Each structure stands twice: as C-alpha cells, then as structure tokens.
C-alpha cells in the first residue's frame, strides 16, 4: 500500500477492513510470526503468519 494511500485511510477504515478480513477468514487466534520482507524509505512490507481460529475443513 502506498504511503499516500496509508495517509488517506482513516484508522476507522483500516479497522473495518481488518474486521471484514476476520469475518471472511474466521478470525485469528494468534500471530505465529512476523518478518520484514522489504524495507525502503518510509515503507516496509511485513509478512505475518497467523493461527486461524476456525478449524481446517475436513475431507468427506
């Protein structure tokens, strides 16, 4: 996400996006790991591994 876009998004907008992601994915029970994948200037790309709150689907 560009720095300009980040500055244009209000904290409430980011919270709504996170809430929607949580609803679609079933939520997250914990953050397993986070790694800075790229860093440059005022921006950085962070990869985050999470544990899902929803159990994995079973094969029938």
C-alpha atoms as a PDB file:
ATOM      1  CA  UNK A   1       0.000   0.000   0.000  1.00  0.00           C
ATOM      2  CA  UNK A   2       1.474   3.327  -0.981  1.00  0.00           C
ATOM      3  CA  UNK A   3       2.389   5.829   1.694  1.00  0.00           C
ATOM      4  CA  UNK A   4      -0.093   8.302   0.196  1.00  0.00           C
ATOM      5  CA  UNK A   5      -2.917   5.750   0.446  1.00  0.00           C
ATOM      6  CA  UNK A   6      -1.919   4.927   4.021  1.00  0.00           C
ATOM      7  CA  UNK A   7      -2.127   8.607   4.921  1.00  0.00           C
ATOM      8  CA  UNK A   8      -5.549   8.933   3.250  1.00  0.00           C
ATOM      9  CA  UNK A   9      -7.064   5.980   5.151  1.00  0.00           C
ATOM     10  CA  UNK A  10      -8.559   6.873   8.485  1.00  0.00           C
ATOM     11  CA  UNK A  11      -7.921   4.480  11.402  1.00  0.00           C
ATOM     12  CA  UNK A  12     -11.628   3.530  11.283  1.00  0.00           C
ATOM     13  CA  UNK A  13     -11.268   2.483   7.619  1.00  0.00           C
ATOM     14  CA  UNK A  14      -8.380   0.163   8.476  1.00  0.00           C
ATOM     15  CA  UNK A  15     -10.323  -1.278  11.400  1.00  0.00           C
ATOM     16  CA  UNK A  16     -13.328  -2.016   9.141  1.00  0.00           C
ATOM     17  CA  UNK A  17     -11.068  -3.746   6.595  1.00  0.00           C
ATOM     18  CA  UNK A  18      -9.451  -5.852   9.343  1.00  0.00           C
ATOM     19  CA  UNK A  19     -12.889  -6.759  10.753  1.00  0.00           C
ATOM     20  CA  UNK A  20     -14.115  -7.829   7.292  1.00  0.00           C
ATOM     21  CA  UNK A  21     -10.979  -9.948   6.781  1.00  0.00           C
ATOM     22  CA  UNK A  22     -11.538 -11.543  10.177  1.00  0.00           C
ATOM     23  CA  UNK A  23     -15.164 -12.355   9.299  1.00  0.00           C
ATOM     24  CA  UNK A  24     -14.198 -13.935   5.965  1.00  0.00           C
ATOM     25  CA  UNK A  25     -11.298 -15.933   7.390  1.00  0.00           C
ATOM     26  CA  UNK A  26     -12.992 -16.970  10.630  1.00  0.00           C
ATOM     27  CA  UNK A  27     -10.724 -14.856  12.771  1.00  0.00           C
ATOM     28  CA  UNK A  28      -7.243 -15.391  14.088  1.00  0.00           C
ATOM     29  CA  UNK A  29      -6.329 -16.954  17.410  1.00  0.00           C
ATOM     30  CA  UNK A  30      -2.744 -15.691  17.476  1.00  0.00           C
ATOM     31  CA  UNK A  31       0.135 -14.266  15.462  1.00  0.00           C
ATOM     32  CA  UNK A  32       2.703 -17.031  14.910  1.00  0.00           C
ATOM     33  CA  UNK A  33       5.456 -14.992  13.274  1.00  0.00           C
ATOM     34  CA  UNK A  34       6.159 -11.693  11.523  1.00  0.00           C
ATOM     35  CA  UNK A  35       9.033 -10.931   9.170  1.00  0.00           C
ATOM     36  CA  UNK A  36      10.029  -7.697   7.457  1.00  0.00           C
ATOM     37  CA  UNK A  37      10.203  -8.803   3.813  1.00  0.00           C
ATOM     38  CA  UNK A  38      11.239  -5.463   2.329  1.00  0.00           C
ATOM     39  CA  UNK A  39      12.108  -2.075   3.732  1.00  0.00           C
ATOM     40  CA  UNK A  40      12.686   1.147   1.859  1.00  0.00           C
ATOM     41  CA  UNK A  41      12.246   4.766   2.812  1.00  0.00           C
ATOM     42  CA  UNK A  42       9.131   5.294   4.876  1.00  0.00           C
ATOM     43  CA  UNK A  43       7.590   1.949   3.896  1.00  0.00           C
ATOM     44  CA  UNK A  44       8.055  -1.684   4.795  1.00  0.00           C
ATOM     45  CA  UNK A  45       6.374  -4.913   3.749  1.00  0.00           C
ATOM     46  CA  UNK A  46       5.678  -7.225   6.671  1.00  0.00           C
ATOM     47  CA  UNK A  47       4.637 -10.852   6.185  1.00  0.00           C
ATOM     48  CA  UNK A  48       2.578 -12.209   9.052  1.00  0.00           C
ATOM     49  CA  UNK A  49       1.793 -15.873   9.785  1.00  0.00           C
ATOM     50  CA  UNK A  50      -1.319 -16.354  11.911  1.00  0.00           C
ATOM     51  CA  UNK A  51      -3.116 -19.268  13.522  1.00  0.00           C
ATOM     52  CA  UNK A  52      -6.732 -19.431  12.411  1.00  0.00           C
ATOM     53  CA  UNK A  53      -9.487 -19.506  14.995  1.00  0.00           C
ATOM     54  CA  UNK A  54     -11.531 -21.696  12.638  1.00  0.00           C
ATOM     55  CA  UNK A  55     -10.559 -25.383  12.406  1.00  0.00           C
ATOM     56  CA  UNK A  56      -9.406 -26.539   8.961  1.00  0.00           C
ATOM     57  CA  UNK A  57     -12.055 -28.147   6.737  1.00  0.00           C
ATOM     58  CA  UNK A  58     -12.285 -31.929   6.781  1.00  0.00           C
ATOM     59  CA  UNK A  59     -12.454 -34.079   3.687  1.00  0.00           C
ATOM     60  CA  UNK A  60     -15.675 -36.014   3.320  1.00  0.00           C
END
